[in-house]
C-alpha cells in the first residue's frame, strides 16, 4: 500500500522547493517529485528583486550573487533609471539559486525523488500518482510554464496573444552598471544582469523567432560590448511565455509558480511571485482553507499581473512602444514608484 503524505509536490524548481520549505516549517509530511538532476538550469533573467531576496532571508537562505541597485531602461541615447528603496536586489546564477534551495529542502528532511509524473488520480480524500507509489492529501503542481499536470487535467487555456519568447546567454565581462539594464528595441527587450565580478547574463525577450546572435544584433550598443568570443554558456530558450489556466485549485490539486499562470518576464518578478504563491498555498492548507487559495493568489500577484499586462500590451503597440522610455525619462518619480511597487 502506498504511504500517504500530506503533500506531494510535482516539480523541483524554485516554486516547488519553496513550497517544500514552507511545508516543512508548517510540520507537513511532504515529498518532491523531480526527474531532473540538481542543480537545474533554465532560461532566466537571473535578477532577484528585493522581495525575492527578503523571502530567501526569511527562509534562512544565503545565496552568492552580485548586488543590484535598481532598474535602468535604455533606448538609444535615452536613459531612465530607478533605485530600489527597500534594499538591493541580487544577480544570481540560476544554478546557484537552485542548488541553495535544493540543499535546504534536503536539510529540512523533505525527500526529492527522481520521478516523472504522468497520470494524476483524485478522489475525495487525496491524490494518487500511479506507478510512483505516491499518494497524498494534496498535490502541488509546480511543474513549470508548460505544466503537464495542468494540461492533463484540461485546465490549460490558449493565450490568443502574439507569442513572446526568452533566450539567455552569459558573457565573461565585468558588469558596467550596478543596475539591471533593460534595452528596448522594436521587437523586444534585452536584459543585462550583473552576476559576478567578471560575469553578466543577457536575456532577450522577443516576439521574433531567430537565433540569439541575430537577436542581439538588433541592439548595436550591446552587441559591441558583447563579442561572441566572450560568451561562456550555451543559449537557453523558453516560451511562449504567456500561459493561462482556468483555476489555481482543482479538487485536491493546487498550482503554484509558473504552472499557476504566467504573464511575461518583462518585470523580472517570477521568483518573487513563486515564493509569495508558495507561502499562500501552504498557509491555506495548514489552516484548512484551501478554497481561499485562489483569492489569496490573486491578491499577492494582482499588482504584478496588472502592471505586466499593461507593459506587454504597450510594448506590442508599434506606435506606443517607442514612447515608454522617453516617458520614464521625463517622469522619474513615476518610474521609480512603478519599479518599487513591484520590488
C-alpha atoms as a PDB file:
ATOM      1  CA  UNK A   1       0.000   0.000   0.000  1.00  0.00           C
ATOM      2  CA  UNK A   2       1.236   3.497  -0.846  1.00  0.00           C
ATOM      3  CA  UNK A   3       2.352   5.674   2.034  1.00  0.00           C
ATOM      4  CA  UNK A   4       0.145   8.734   2.299  1.00  0.00           C
ATOM      5  CA  UNK A   5       1.892  12.100   2.589  1.00  0.00           C
ATOM      6  CA  UNK A   6       0.344  15.442   3.389  1.00  0.00           C
ATOM      7  CA  UNK A   7       1.708  16.993   0.195  1.00  0.00           C
ATOM      8  CA  UNK A   8       3.258  15.665  -2.983  1.00  0.00           C
ATOM      9  CA  UNK A   9       4.955  18.499  -4.861  1.00  0.00           C
ATOM     10  CA  UNK A  10       5.404  17.861  -8.574  1.00  0.00           C
ATOM     11  CA  UNK A  11       8.327  19.950  -9.817  1.00  0.00           C
ATOM     12  CA  UNK A  12      11.576  20.824  -8.087  1.00  0.00           C
ATOM     13  CA  UNK A  13      12.195  24.324  -9.410  1.00  0.00           C
ATOM     14  CA  UNK A  14      12.164  27.401  -7.124  1.00  0.00           C
ATOM     15  CA  UNK A  15       8.352  27.333  -6.721  1.00  0.00           C
ATOM     16  CA  UNK A  16       8.244  23.655  -5.785  1.00  0.00           C
ATOM     17  CA  UNK A  17      11.261  23.832  -3.487  1.00  0.00           C
ATOM     18  CA  UNK A  18       9.947  26.959  -1.750  1.00  0.00           C
ATOM     19  CA  UNK A  19       6.636  25.151  -1.225  1.00  0.00           C
ATOM     20  CA  UNK A  20       8.544  22.238   0.293  1.00  0.00           C
ATOM     21  CA  UNK A  21      10.385  24.552   2.692  1.00  0.00           C
ATOM     22  CA  UNK A  22       7.186  26.285   3.803  1.00  0.00           C
ATOM     23  CA  UNK A  23       5.523  22.870   4.162  1.00  0.00           C
ATOM     24  CA  UNK A  24       8.360  21.580   6.362  1.00  0.00           C
ATOM     25  CA  UNK A  25       8.091  24.665   8.555  1.00  0.00           C
ATOM     26  CA  UNK A  26       4.358  24.036   8.906  1.00  0.00           C
ATOM     27  CA  UNK A  27       5.014  20.482  10.060  1.00  0.00           C
ATOM     28  CA  UNK A  28       3.702  18.758   6.934  1.00  0.00           C
ATOM     29  CA  UNK A  29       4.977  15.440   5.639  1.00  0.00           C
ATOM     30  CA  UNK A  30       5.929  16.475   2.106  1.00  0.00           C
ATOM     31  CA  UNK A  31       7.813  14.939  -0.796  1.00  0.00           C
ATOM     32  CA  UNK A  32       9.065  16.467  -4.059  1.00  0.00           C
ATOM     33  CA  UNK A  33       8.942  14.619  -7.397  1.00  0.00           C
ATOM     34  CA  UNK A  34      11.571  15.978  -9.812  1.00  0.00           C
ATOM     35  CA  UNK A  35      13.121  13.931 -12.611  1.00  0.00           C
ATOM     36  CA  UNK A  36      15.918  16.402 -13.392  1.00  0.00           C
ATOM     37  CA  UNK A  37      19.220  16.259 -11.562  1.00  0.00           C
ATOM     38  CA  UNK A  38      20.127  19.234  -9.341  1.00  0.00           C
ATOM     39  CA  UNK A  39      21.139  21.917  -9.918  1.00  0.00           C
ATOM     40  CA  UNK A  40      18.652  22.648 -12.675  1.00  0.00           C
ATOM     41  CA  UNK A  41      19.352  25.443 -15.149  1.00  0.00           C
ATOM     42  CA  UNK A  42      16.814  27.240 -17.352  1.00  0.00           C
ATOM     43  CA  UNK A  43      16.390  30.384 -19.417  1.00  0.00           C
ATOM     44  CA  UNK A  44      16.049  33.081 -16.779  1.00  0.00           C
ATOM     45  CA  UNK A  45      16.964  36.734 -16.348  1.00  0.00           C
ATOM     46  CA  UNK A  46      18.668  35.742 -13.050  1.00  0.00           C
ATOM     47  CA  UNK A  47      17.927  39.032 -11.317  1.00  0.00           C
ATOM     48  CA  UNK A  48      16.224  38.655  -7.941  1.00  0.00           C
ATOM     49  CA  UNK A  49      14.127  41.645  -6.980  1.00  0.00           C
ATOM     50  CA  UNK A  50      14.393  42.840  -3.345  1.00  0.00           C
ATOM     51  CA  UNK A  51      11.204  40.956  -2.440  1.00  0.00           C
ATOM     52  CA  UNK A  52      12.775  37.661  -3.502  1.00  0.00           C
ATOM     53  CA  UNK A  53      15.945  38.494  -1.556  1.00  0.00           C
ATOM     54  CA  UNK A  54      13.846  39.124   1.560  1.00  0.00           C
ATOM     55  CA  UNK A  55      11.934  35.877   1.027  1.00  0.00           C
ATOM     56  CA  UNK A  56      15.182  33.903   0.826  1.00  0.00           C
ATOM     57  CA  UNK A  57      16.423  35.571   4.013  1.00  0.00           C
ATOM     58  CA  UNK A  58      13.167  34.727   5.805  1.00  0.00           C
ATOM     59  CA  UNK A  59      13.809  31.070   4.973  1.00  0.00           C
ATOM     60  CA  UNK A  60      17.340  31.332   6.350  1.00  0.00           C
ATOM     61  CA  UNK A  61      19.000  31.003   2.945  1.00  0.00           C
ATOM     62  CA  UNK A  62      22.142  32.795   1.823  1.00  0.00           C
ATOM     63  CA  UNK A  63      22.798  32.850  -1.904  1.00  0.00           C
ATOM     64  CA  UNK A  64      26.002  34.075  -3.534  1.00  0.00           C
ATOM     65  CA  UNK A  65      25.443  36.783  -6.092  1.00  0.00           C
ATOM     66  CA  UNK A  66      26.054  40.351  -7.227  1.00  0.00           C
ATOM     67  CA  UNK A  67      24.090  43.234  -5.622  1.00  0.00           C
ATOM     68  CA  UNK A  68      21.666  45.056  -7.912  1.00  0.00           C
ATOM     69  CA  UNK A  69      20.945  48.714  -7.181  1.00  0.00           C
ATOM     70  CA  UNK A  70      17.843  49.101  -9.338  1.00  0.00           C
ATOM     71  CA  UNK A  71      16.487  49.084 -12.890  1.00  0.00           C
ATOM     72  CA  UNK A  72      17.723  51.155 -15.840  1.00  0.00           C
ATOM     73  CA  UNK A  73      15.806  51.443 -19.139  1.00  0.00           C
ATOM     74  CA  UNK A  74      17.821  52.223 -22.257  1.00  0.00           C
ATOM     75  CA  UNK A  75      16.595  53.235 -25.700  1.00  0.00           C
ATOM     76  CA  UNK A  76      19.220  54.761 -27.953  1.00  0.00           C
ATOM     77  CA  UNK A  77      20.557  57.855 -26.189  1.00  0.00           C
ATOM     78  CA  UNK A  78      17.710  57.900 -23.685  1.00  0.00           C
ATOM     79  CA  UNK A  79      18.091  56.600 -20.124  1.00  0.00           C
ATOM     80  CA  UNK A  80      15.663  56.196 -17.234  1.00  0.00           C
ATOM     81  CA  UNK A  81      16.719  54.554 -14.005  1.00  0.00           C
ATOM     82  CA  UNK A  82      15.157  53.854 -10.626  1.00  0.00           C
ATOM     83  CA  UNK A  83      16.982  52.753  -7.496  1.00  0.00           C
ATOM     84  CA  UNK A  84      15.438  50.177  -5.182  1.00  0.00           C
ATOM     85  CA  UNK A  85      14.206  51.832  -1.995  1.00  0.00           C
ATOM     86  CA  UNK A  86      13.850  48.740   0.196  1.00  0.00           C
ATOM     87  CA  UNK A  87      17.213  47.042  -0.079  1.00  0.00           C
ATOM     88  CA  UNK A  88      19.183  45.755  -3.054  1.00  0.00           C
ATOM     89  CA  UNK A  89      18.260  43.041  -5.483  1.00  0.00           C
ATOM     90  CA  UNK A  90      20.686  40.271  -6.315  1.00  0.00           C
ATOM     91  CA  UNK A  91      22.051  38.899  -9.577  1.00  0.00           C
ATOM     92  CA  UNK A  92      22.288  35.135  -9.056  1.00  0.00           C
ATOM     93  CA  UNK A  93      23.072  32.313 -11.454  1.00  0.00           C
ATOM     94  CA  UNK A  94      20.015  30.100 -11.725  1.00  0.00           C
ATOM     95  CA  UNK A  95      22.100  27.074 -10.826  1.00  0.00           C
ATOM     96  CA  UNK A  96      23.328  28.776  -7.620  1.00  0.00           C
ATOM     97  CA  UNK A  97      19.767  29.603  -6.597  1.00  0.00           C
ATOM     98  CA  UNK A  98      18.512  26.109  -7.360  1.00  0.00           C
ATOM     99  CA  UNK A  99      21.402  24.441  -5.512  1.00  0.00           C
ATOM    100  CA  UNK A 100      20.775  26.525  -2.380  1.00  0.00           C
ATOM    101  CA  UNK A 101      17.053  25.725  -2.374  1.00  0.00           C
ATOM    102  CA  UNK A 102      17.637  22.041  -3.133  1.00  0.00           C
ATOM    103  CA  UNK A 103      20.146  21.642  -0.291  1.00  0.00           C
ATOM    104  CA  UNK A 104      17.834  23.477   2.132  1.00  0.00           C
ATOM    105  CA  UNK A 105      14.932  21.177   1.237  1.00  0.00           C
ATOM    106  CA  UNK A 106      17.041  18.065   1.858  1.00  0.00           C
ATOM    107  CA  UNK A 107      18.308  19.549   5.143  1.00  0.00           C
ATOM    108  CA  UNK A 108      14.678  20.113   6.179  1.00  0.00           C
ATOM    109  CA  UNK A 109      14.049  16.388   5.745  1.00  0.00           C
ATOM    110  CA  UNK A 110      11.947  16.605   2.578  1.00  0.00           C
ATOM    111  CA  UNK A 111      12.840  13.855   0.075  1.00  0.00           C
ATOM    112  CA  UNK A 112      13.392  14.848  -3.564  1.00  0.00           C
ATOM    113  CA  UNK A 113      12.587  11.767  -5.636  1.00  0.00           C
ATOM    114  CA  UNK A 114      13.798  11.295  -9.245  1.00  0.00           C
ATOM    115  CA  UNK A 115      10.307  10.697 -10.623  1.00  0.00           C
ATOM    116  CA  UNK A 116       8.495  11.853 -13.733  1.00  0.00           C
ATOM    117  CA  UNK A 117       4.802  12.324 -13.016  1.00  0.00           C
ATOM    118  CA  UNK A 118       2.318  11.364 -15.701  1.00  0.00           C
ATOM    119  CA  UNK A 119      -1.191  10.430 -14.635  1.00  0.00           C
ATOM    120  CA  UNK A 120      -2.888  12.062 -11.647  1.00  0.00           C
ATOM    121  CA  UNK A 121      -5.892  10.396  -9.991  1.00  0.00           C
ATOM    122  CA  UNK A 122      -8.035  12.214  -7.450  1.00  0.00           C
ATOM    123  CA  UNK A 123     -10.695  11.074  -5.024  1.00  0.00           C
ATOM    124  CA  UNK A 124     -12.494  12.640  -2.077  1.00  0.00           C
ATOM    125  CA  UNK A 125      -9.579  12.237   0.325  1.00  0.00           C
ATOM    126  CA  UNK A 126      -6.437  12.577  -1.736  1.00  0.00           C
ATOM    127  CA  UNK A 127      -4.394  12.227  -4.902  1.00  0.00           C
ATOM    128  CA  UNK A 128      -2.604   9.146  -6.228  1.00  0.00           C
ATOM    129  CA  UNK A 129       0.260   9.133  -8.745  1.00  0.00           C
ATOM    130  CA  UNK A 130       0.070   5.727 -10.463  1.00  0.00           C
ATOM    131  CA  UNK A 131       3.368   3.961 -10.963  1.00  0.00           C
ATOM    132  CA  UNK A 132       5.213   6.051  -8.364  1.00  0.00           C
ATOM    133  CA  UNK A 133       3.935   4.596  -5.098  1.00  0.00           C
ATOM    134  CA  UNK A 134       2.992   8.123  -4.014  1.00  0.00           C
ATOM    135  CA  UNK A 135      -0.276   9.261  -2.513  1.00  0.00           C
ATOM    136  CA  UNK A 136      -1.027  12.460  -0.628  1.00  0.00           C
ATOM    137  CA  UNK A 137      -3.865  14.505   0.742  1.00  0.00           C
ATOM    138  CA  UNK A 138      -2.910  17.287  -1.664  1.00  0.00           C
ATOM    139  CA  UNK A 139      -0.876  17.558  -4.841  1.00  0.00           C
ATOM    140  CA  UNK A 140       1.002  20.779  -5.582  1.00  0.00           C
ATOM    141  CA  UNK A 141       1.672  21.261  -9.295  1.00  0.00           C
ATOM    142  CA  UNK A 142       4.860  23.314  -9.538  1.00  0.00           C
ATOM    143  CA  UNK A 143       5.851  21.825 -12.867  1.00  0.00           C
ATOM    144  CA  UNK A 144       6.596  24.973 -14.786  1.00  0.00           C
ATOM    145  CA  UNK A 145       5.490  27.162 -17.642  1.00  0.00           C
ATOM    146  CA  UNK A 146       4.036  24.317 -19.739  1.00  0.00           C
ATOM    147  CA  UNK A 147       2.759  22.330 -16.739  1.00  0.00           C
ATOM    148  CA  UNK A 148       1.976  18.734 -17.779  1.00  0.00           C
ATOM    149  CA  UNK A 149      -0.340  18.432 -14.769  1.00  0.00           C
ATOM    150  CA  UNK A 150      -2.309  21.493 -15.873  1.00  0.00           C
ATOM    151  CA  UNK A 151      -2.696  20.104 -19.367  1.00  0.00           C
ATOM    152  CA  UNK A 152      -3.542  16.577 -18.190  1.00  0.00           C
ATOM    153  CA  UNK A 153      -6.424  17.963 -16.130  1.00  0.00           C
ATOM    154  CA  UNK A 154      -7.760  20.013 -19.050  1.00  0.00           C
ATOM    155  CA  UNK A 155      -7.117  23.332 -17.324  1.00  0.00           C
ATOM    156  CA  UNK A 156      -4.886  24.963 -19.931  1.00  0.00           C
ATOM    157  CA  UNK A 157      -6.370  27.982 -21.730  1.00  0.00           C
ATOM    158  CA  UNK A 158      -4.944  29.100 -25.064  1.00  0.00           C
ATOM    159  CA  UNK A 159      -3.435  32.568 -24.846  1.00  0.00           C
ATOM    160  CA  UNK A 160      -4.688  34.097 -28.086  1.00  0.00           C
ATOM    161  CA  UNK A 161      -1.833  36.596 -27.847  1.00  0.00           C
ATOM    162  CA  UNK A 162       1.150  37.085 -30.122  1.00  0.00           C
ATOM    163  CA  UNK A 163       3.723  34.745 -28.525  1.00  0.00           C
ATOM    164  CA  UNK A 164       6.876  36.029 -26.858  1.00  0.00           C
ATOM    165  CA  UNK A 165       9.992  34.007 -26.199  1.00  0.00           C
ATOM    166  CA  UNK A 166      13.025  34.245 -23.940  1.00  0.00           C
ATOM    167  CA  UNK A 167      16.675  33.480 -24.737  1.00  0.00           C
ATOM    168  CA  UNK A 168      19.637  33.668 -22.347  1.00  0.00           C
ATOM    169  CA  UNK A 169      23.427  33.544 -22.550  1.00  0.00           C
ATOM    170  CA  UNK A 170      26.320  34.521 -20.249  1.00  0.00           C
ATOM    171  CA  UNK A 171      29.355  36.641 -21.075  1.00  0.00           C
ATOM    172  CA  UNK A 172      32.704  36.839 -19.302  1.00  0.00           C
ATOM    173  CA  UNK A 173      32.912  40.599 -18.912  1.00  0.00           C
ATOM    174  CA  UNK A 174      32.859  42.905 -15.877  1.00  0.00           C
ATOM    175  CA  UNK A 175      29.420  44.452 -15.258  1.00  0.00           C
ATOM    176  CA  UNK A 176      29.438  48.064 -16.410  1.00  0.00           C
ATOM    177  CA  UNK A 177      26.479  49.045 -14.240  1.00  0.00           C
ATOM    178  CA  UNK A 178      25.092  48.094 -10.799  1.00  0.00           C
ATOM    179  CA  UNK A 179      21.622  48.197 -12.378  1.00  0.00           C
ATOM    180  CA  UNK A 180      19.756  45.637 -14.409  1.00  0.00           C
ATOM    181  CA  UNK A 181      19.737  47.306 -17.803  1.00  0.00           C
ATOM    182  CA  UNK A 182      16.672  46.861 -19.979  1.00  0.00           C
ATOM    183  CA  UNK A 183      17.464  47.769 -23.578  1.00  0.00           C
ATOM    184  CA  UNK A 184      14.261  48.377 -25.521  1.00  0.00           C
ATOM    185  CA  UNK A 185      14.114  47.537 -29.227  1.00  0.00           C
ATOM    186  CA  UNK A 186      11.474  47.333 -31.878  1.00  0.00           C
ATOM    187  CA  UNK A 187      10.623  43.663 -31.369  1.00  0.00           C
ATOM    188  CA  UNK A 188      11.595  43.106 -27.742  1.00  0.00           C
ATOM    189  CA  UNK A 189      13.935  43.798 -24.876  1.00  0.00           C
ATOM    190  CA  UNK A 190      17.445  42.795 -23.827  1.00  0.00           C
ATOM    191  CA  UNK A 191      18.120  42.449 -20.091  1.00  0.00           C
ATOM    192  CA  UNK A 192      21.682  42.695 -18.802  1.00  0.00           C
ATOM    193  CA  UNK A 193      22.115  41.423 -15.237  1.00  0.00           C
ATOM    194  CA  UNK A 194      25.369  41.699 -13.254  1.00  0.00           C
ATOM    195  CA  UNK A 195      26.136  38.232 -11.837  1.00  0.00           C
ATOM    196  CA  UNK A 196      29.721  38.487 -10.628  1.00  0.00           C
ATOM    197  CA  UNK A 197      32.978  40.467 -10.885  1.00  0.00           C
ATOM    198  CA  UNK A 198      33.509  39.217 -14.443  1.00  0.00           C
ATOM    199  CA  UNK A 199      30.120  37.838 -15.471  1.00  0.00           C
ATOM    200  CA  UNK A 200      26.894  39.239 -16.886  1.00  0.00           C
ATOM    201  CA  UNK A 201      23.788  37.451 -18.047  1.00  0.00           C
ATOM    202  CA  UNK A 202      21.916  38.627 -21.125  1.00  0.00           C
ATOM    203  CA  UNK A 203      18.274  37.653 -21.539  1.00  0.00           C
ATOM    204  CA  UNK A 204      16.359  38.539 -24.701  1.00  0.00           C
ATOM    205  CA  UNK A 205      12.565  38.770 -24.705  1.00  0.00           C
ATOM    206  CA  UNK A 206      11.153  38.908 -28.202  1.00  0.00           C
ATOM    207  CA  UNK A 207       8.205  38.141 -30.444  1.00  0.00           C
ATOM    208  CA  UNK A 208      10.538  37.053 -33.261  1.00  0.00           C
ATOM    209  CA  UNK A 209      11.902  33.531 -33.729  1.00  0.00           C
ATOM    210  CA  UNK A 210      15.587  33.918 -34.582  1.00  0.00           C
ATOM    211  CA  UNK A 211      18.983  32.777 -33.189  1.00  0.00           C
ATOM    212  CA  UNK A 212      20.419  34.625 -30.184  1.00  0.00           C
ATOM    213  CA  UNK A 213      23.196  36.348 -32.149  1.00  0.00           C
ATOM    214  CA  UNK A 214      20.739  37.635 -34.749  1.00  0.00           C
ATOM    215  CA  UNK A 215      18.519  38.969 -31.988  1.00  0.00           C
ATOM    216  CA  UNK A 216      21.435  40.635 -30.193  1.00  0.00           C
ATOM    217  CA  UNK A 217      22.441  42.471 -33.373  1.00  0.00           C
ATOM    218  CA  UNK A 218      19.202  44.450 -33.070  1.00  0.00           C
ATOM    219  CA  UNK A 219      20.798  46.110 -30.015  1.00  0.00           C
ATOM    220  CA  UNK A 220      24.007  47.573 -31.536  1.00  0.00           C
ATOM    221  CA  UNK A 221      25.290  49.101 -28.285  1.00  0.00           C
ATOM    222  CA  UNK A 222      25.094  45.737 -26.533  1.00  0.00           C
ATOM    223  CA  UNK A 223      26.441  43.763 -29.472  1.00  0.00           C
ATOM    224  CA  UNK A 224      29.543  45.985 -29.475  1.00  0.00           C
ATOM    225  CA  UNK A 225      30.110  45.336 -25.746  1.00  0.00           C
ATOM    226  CA  UNK A 226      29.488  41.595 -26.003  1.00  0.00           C
ATOM    227  CA  UNK A 227      31.568  39.991 -28.758  1.00  0.00           C
ATOM    228  CA  UNK A 228      30.852  36.324 -29.411  1.00  0.00           C
ATOM    229  CA  UNK A 229      34.248  35.212 -28.101  1.00  0.00           C
ATOM    230  CA  UNK A 230      33.238  36.353 -24.586  1.00  0.00           C
ATOM    231  CA  UNK A 231      30.212  34.064 -24.489  1.00  0.00           C
ATOM    232  CA  UNK A 232      30.720  31.412 -21.793  1.00  0.00           C
ATOM    233  CA  UNK A 233      27.448  29.481 -21.843  1.00  0.00           C
ATOM    234  CA  UNK A 234      25.136  27.880 -24.339  1.00  0.00           C
ATOM    235  CA  UNK A 235      21.940  29.650 -25.314  1.00  0.00           C
ATOM    236  CA  UNK A 236      18.848  28.523 -23.420  1.00  0.00           C
ATOM    237  CA  UNK A 237      15.335  29.344 -24.512  1.00  0.00           C
ATOM    238  CA  UNK A 238      11.795  29.373 -23.119  1.00  0.00           C
ATOM    239  CA  UNK A 239       8.336  30.174 -24.385  1.00  0.00           C
ATOM    240  CA  UNK A 240       5.775  31.020 -25.414  1.00  0.00           C
ATOM    241  CA  UNK A 241       5.791  32.999 -22.179  1.00  0.00           C
ATOM    242  CA  UNK A 242       2.118  33.869 -21.747  1.00  0.00           C
ATOM    243  CA  UNK A 243       0.339  30.902 -20.129  1.00  0.00           C
ATOM    244  CA  UNK A 244      -3.159  30.743 -18.697  1.00  0.00           C
ATOM    245  CA  UNK A 245      -5.014  28.267 -16.514  1.00  0.00           C
ATOM    246  CA  UNK A 246      -8.688  28.024 -15.628  1.00  0.00           C
ATOM    247  CA  UNK A 247      -8.062  27.840 -11.892  1.00  0.00           C
ATOM    248  CA  UNK A 248      -5.344  27.563  -9.239  1.00  0.00           C
ATOM    249  CA  UNK A 249      -7.360  24.904  -7.336  1.00  0.00           C
ATOM    250  CA  UNK A 250      -8.848  21.808  -8.972  1.00  0.00           C
ATOM    251  CA  UNK A 251     -10.164  19.300  -6.473  1.00  0.00           C
ATOM    252  CA  UNK A 252      -7.119  18.343  -4.443  1.00  0.00           C
ATOM    253  CA  UNK A 253      -4.592  19.774  -6.900  1.00  0.00           C
ATOM    254  CA  UNK A 254      -3.162  23.252  -6.305  1.00  0.00           C
ATOM    255  CA  UNK A 255      -0.972  25.169  -8.763  1.00  0.00           C
ATOM    256  CA  UNK A 256       1.952  27.411  -7.873  1.00  0.00           C
ATOM    257  CA  UNK A 257       4.730  29.278  -9.674  1.00  0.00           C
ATOM    258  CA  UNK A 258       4.676  29.406 -13.471  1.00  0.00           C
ATOM    259  CA  UNK A 259       2.244  26.465 -13.527  1.00  0.00           C
ATOM    260  CA  UNK A 260      -0.362  28.716 -11.900  1.00  0.00           C
ATOM    261  CA  UNK A 261      -0.297  31.065 -14.891  1.00  0.00           C
ATOM    262  CA  UNK A 262       2.298  33.423 -16.306  1.00  0.00           C
ATOM    263  CA  UNK A 263       2.064  36.802 -17.996  1.00  0.00           C
ATOM    264  CA  UNK A 264       5.593  37.709 -19.124  1.00  0.00           C
ATOM    265  CA  UNK A 265       9.170  38.017 -17.865  1.00  0.00           C
ATOM    266  CA  UNK A 266       9.148  41.768 -18.555  1.00  0.00           C
ATOM    267  CA  UNK A 267       9.300  42.849 -14.891  1.00  0.00           C
ATOM    268  CA  UNK A 268      11.560  40.068 -13.591  1.00  0.00           C
ATOM    269  CA  UNK A 269       9.235  39.061 -10.767  1.00  0.00           C
ATOM    270  CA  UNK A 270       8.971  35.310 -11.388  1.00  0.00           C
ATOM    271  CA  UNK A 271      10.878  34.133  -8.302  1.00  0.00           C
ATOM    272  CA  UNK A 272       9.227  36.696  -6.001  1.00  0.00           C
ATOM    273  CA  UNK A 273       5.788  35.561  -7.154  1.00  0.00           C
ATOM    274  CA  UNK A 274       6.732  31.898  -6.800  1.00  0.00           C
ATOM    275  CA  UNK A 275       7.706  32.454  -3.169  1.00  0.00           C
ATOM    276  CA  UNK A 276       4.607  34.521  -2.406  1.00  0.00           C
ATOM    277  CA  UNK A 277       2.352  31.915  -4.009  1.00  0.00           C
ATOM    278  CA  UNK A 278       4.076  29.061  -2.173  1.00  0.00           C
ATOM    279  CA  UNK A 279       3.606  30.783   1.157  1.00  0.00           C
ATOM    280  CA  UNK A 280      -0.089  31.458   0.496  1.00  0.00           C
ATOM    281  CA  UNK A 281      -0.679  27.887  -0.660  1.00  0.00           C
ATOM    282  CA  UNK A 282       0.886  26.224   2.388  1.00  0.00           C
ATOM    283  CA  UNK A 283      -0.777  28.670   4.756  1.00  0.00           C
ATOM    284  CA  UNK A 284      -4.223  27.832   3.388  1.00  0.00           C
ATOM    285  CA  UNK A 285      -3.640  24.079   3.508  1.00  0.00           C
ATOM    286  CA  UNK A 286      -2.405  24.456   7.093  1.00  0.00           C
ATOM    287  CA  UNK A 287      -5.482  26.464   8.077  1.00  0.00           C
ATOM    288  CA  UNK A 288      -7.830  24.043   6.361  1.00  0.00           C
ATOM    289  CA  UNK A 289      -8.962  26.771   3.946  1.00  0.00           C
ATOM    290  CA  UNK A 290      -7.715  25.576   0.543  1.00  0.00           C
ATOM    291  CA  UNK A 291     -10.706  27.204  -1.135  1.00  0.00           C
ATOM    292  CA  UNK A 292      -9.243  30.594  -0.220  1.00  0.00           C
ATOM    293  CA  UNK A 293      -6.007  29.960  -2.089  1.00  0.00           C
ATOM    294  CA  UNK A 294      -7.369  31.208  -5.421  1.00  0.00           C
ATOM    295  CA  UNK A 295      -8.313  34.543  -3.870  1.00  0.00           C
ATOM    296  CA  UNK A 296      -5.038  34.838  -1.982  1.00  0.00           C
ATOM    297  CA  UNK A 297      -3.059  34.012  -5.127  1.00  0.00           C
ATOM    298  CA  UNK A 298      -4.937  36.726  -6.998  1.00  0.00           C
ATOM    299  CA  UNK A 299      -4.248  39.174  -4.186  1.00  0.00           C
ATOM    300  CA  UNK A 300      -0.484  38.586  -3.914  1.00  0.00           C
ATOM    301  CA  UNK A 301       0.017  38.635  -7.702  1.00  0.00           C
ATOM    302  CA  UNK A 302      -2.523  41.307  -8.730  1.00  0.00           C
ATOM    303  CA  UNK A 303      -0.201  44.310  -8.811  1.00  0.00           C
ATOM    304  CA  UNK A 304       2.403  42.427 -10.814  1.00  0.00           C
ATOM    305  CA  UNK A 305      -0.118  40.962 -13.258  1.00  0.00           C
ATOM    306  CA  UNK A 306      -1.836  44.273 -13.954  1.00  0.00           C
ATOM    307  CA  UNK A 307       1.391  46.210 -14.499  1.00  0.00           C
ATOM    308  CA  UNK A 308       2.954  43.458 -16.602  1.00  0.00           C
ATOM    309  CA  UNK A 309      -0.178  43.102 -18.751  1.00  0.00           C
ATOM    310  CA  UNK A 310      -0.152  46.863 -19.321  1.00  0.00           C
ATOM    311  CA  UNK A 311       3.538  46.969 -20.237  1.00  0.00           C
ATOM    312  CA  UNK A 312       3.293  43.994 -22.599  1.00  0.00           C
ATOM    313  CA  UNK A 313       0.303  45.491 -24.395  1.00  0.00           C
ATOM    314  CA  UNK A 314       2.066  48.843 -24.739  1.00  0.00           C
ATOM    315  CA  UNK A 315       5.280  47.171 -25.932  1.00  0.00           C
ATOM    316  CA  UNK A 316       3.338  45.308 -28.629  1.00  0.00           C
ATOM    317  CA  UNK A 317       1.795  48.517 -29.962  1.00  0.00           C
ATOM    318  CA  UNK A 318       4.245  49.789 -32.565  1.00  0.00           C
ATOM    319  CA  UNK A 319       3.089  53.390 -32.051  1.00  0.00           C
ATOM    320  CA  UNK A 320       3.246  53.364 -28.230  1.00  0.00           C
ATOM    321  CA  UNK A 321       6.312  51.177 -27.633  1.00  0.00           C
ATOM    322  CA  UNK A 322       8.907  53.864 -28.543  1.00  0.00           C
ATOM    323  CA  UNK A 323       7.311  56.233 -26.018  1.00  0.00           C
ATOM    324  CA  UNK A 324       7.901  54.083 -22.906  1.00  0.00           C
ATOM    325  CA  UNK A 325      11.499  55.075 -22.164  1.00  0.00           C
ATOM    326  CA  UNK A 326      11.060  58.783 -23.048  1.00  0.00           C
ATOM    327  CA  UNK A 327       8.047  58.886 -20.714  1.00  0.00           C
ATOM    328  CA  UNK A 328      10.022  57.216 -17.913  1.00  0.00           C
ATOM    329  CA  UNK A 329      12.886  59.662 -18.517  1.00  0.00           C
ATOM    330  CA  UNK A 330      10.568  62.668 -18.259  1.00  0.00           C
ATOM    331  CA  UNK A 331       8.709  61.312 -15.213  1.00  0.00           C
ATOM    332  CA  UNK A 332      11.434  59.853 -12.983  1.00  0.00           C
ATOM    333  CA  UNK A 333       9.297  59.851  -9.843  1.00  0.00           C
ATOM    334  CA  UNK A 334       6.544  57.901 -11.550  1.00  0.00           C
ATOM    335  CA  UNK A 335       9.063  55.428 -12.953  1.00  0.00           C
ATOM    336  CA  UNK A 336      10.713  54.979  -9.546  1.00  0.00           C
ATOM    337  CA  UNK A 337       7.324  54.442  -7.907  1.00  0.00           C
ATOM    338  CA  UNK A 338       6.384  51.826 -10.527  1.00  0.00           C
ATOM    339  CA  UNK A 339       9.656  49.923 -10.064  1.00  0.00           C
ATOM    340  CA  UNK A 340       9.391  49.952  -6.281  1.00  0.00           C
ATOM    341  CA  UNK A 341       5.735  48.951  -6.340  1.00  0.00           C
ATOM    342  CA  UNK A 342       6.976  45.560  -7.552  1.00  0.00           C
ATOM    343  CA  UNK A 343      10.205  45.438  -5.553  1.00  0.00           C
END
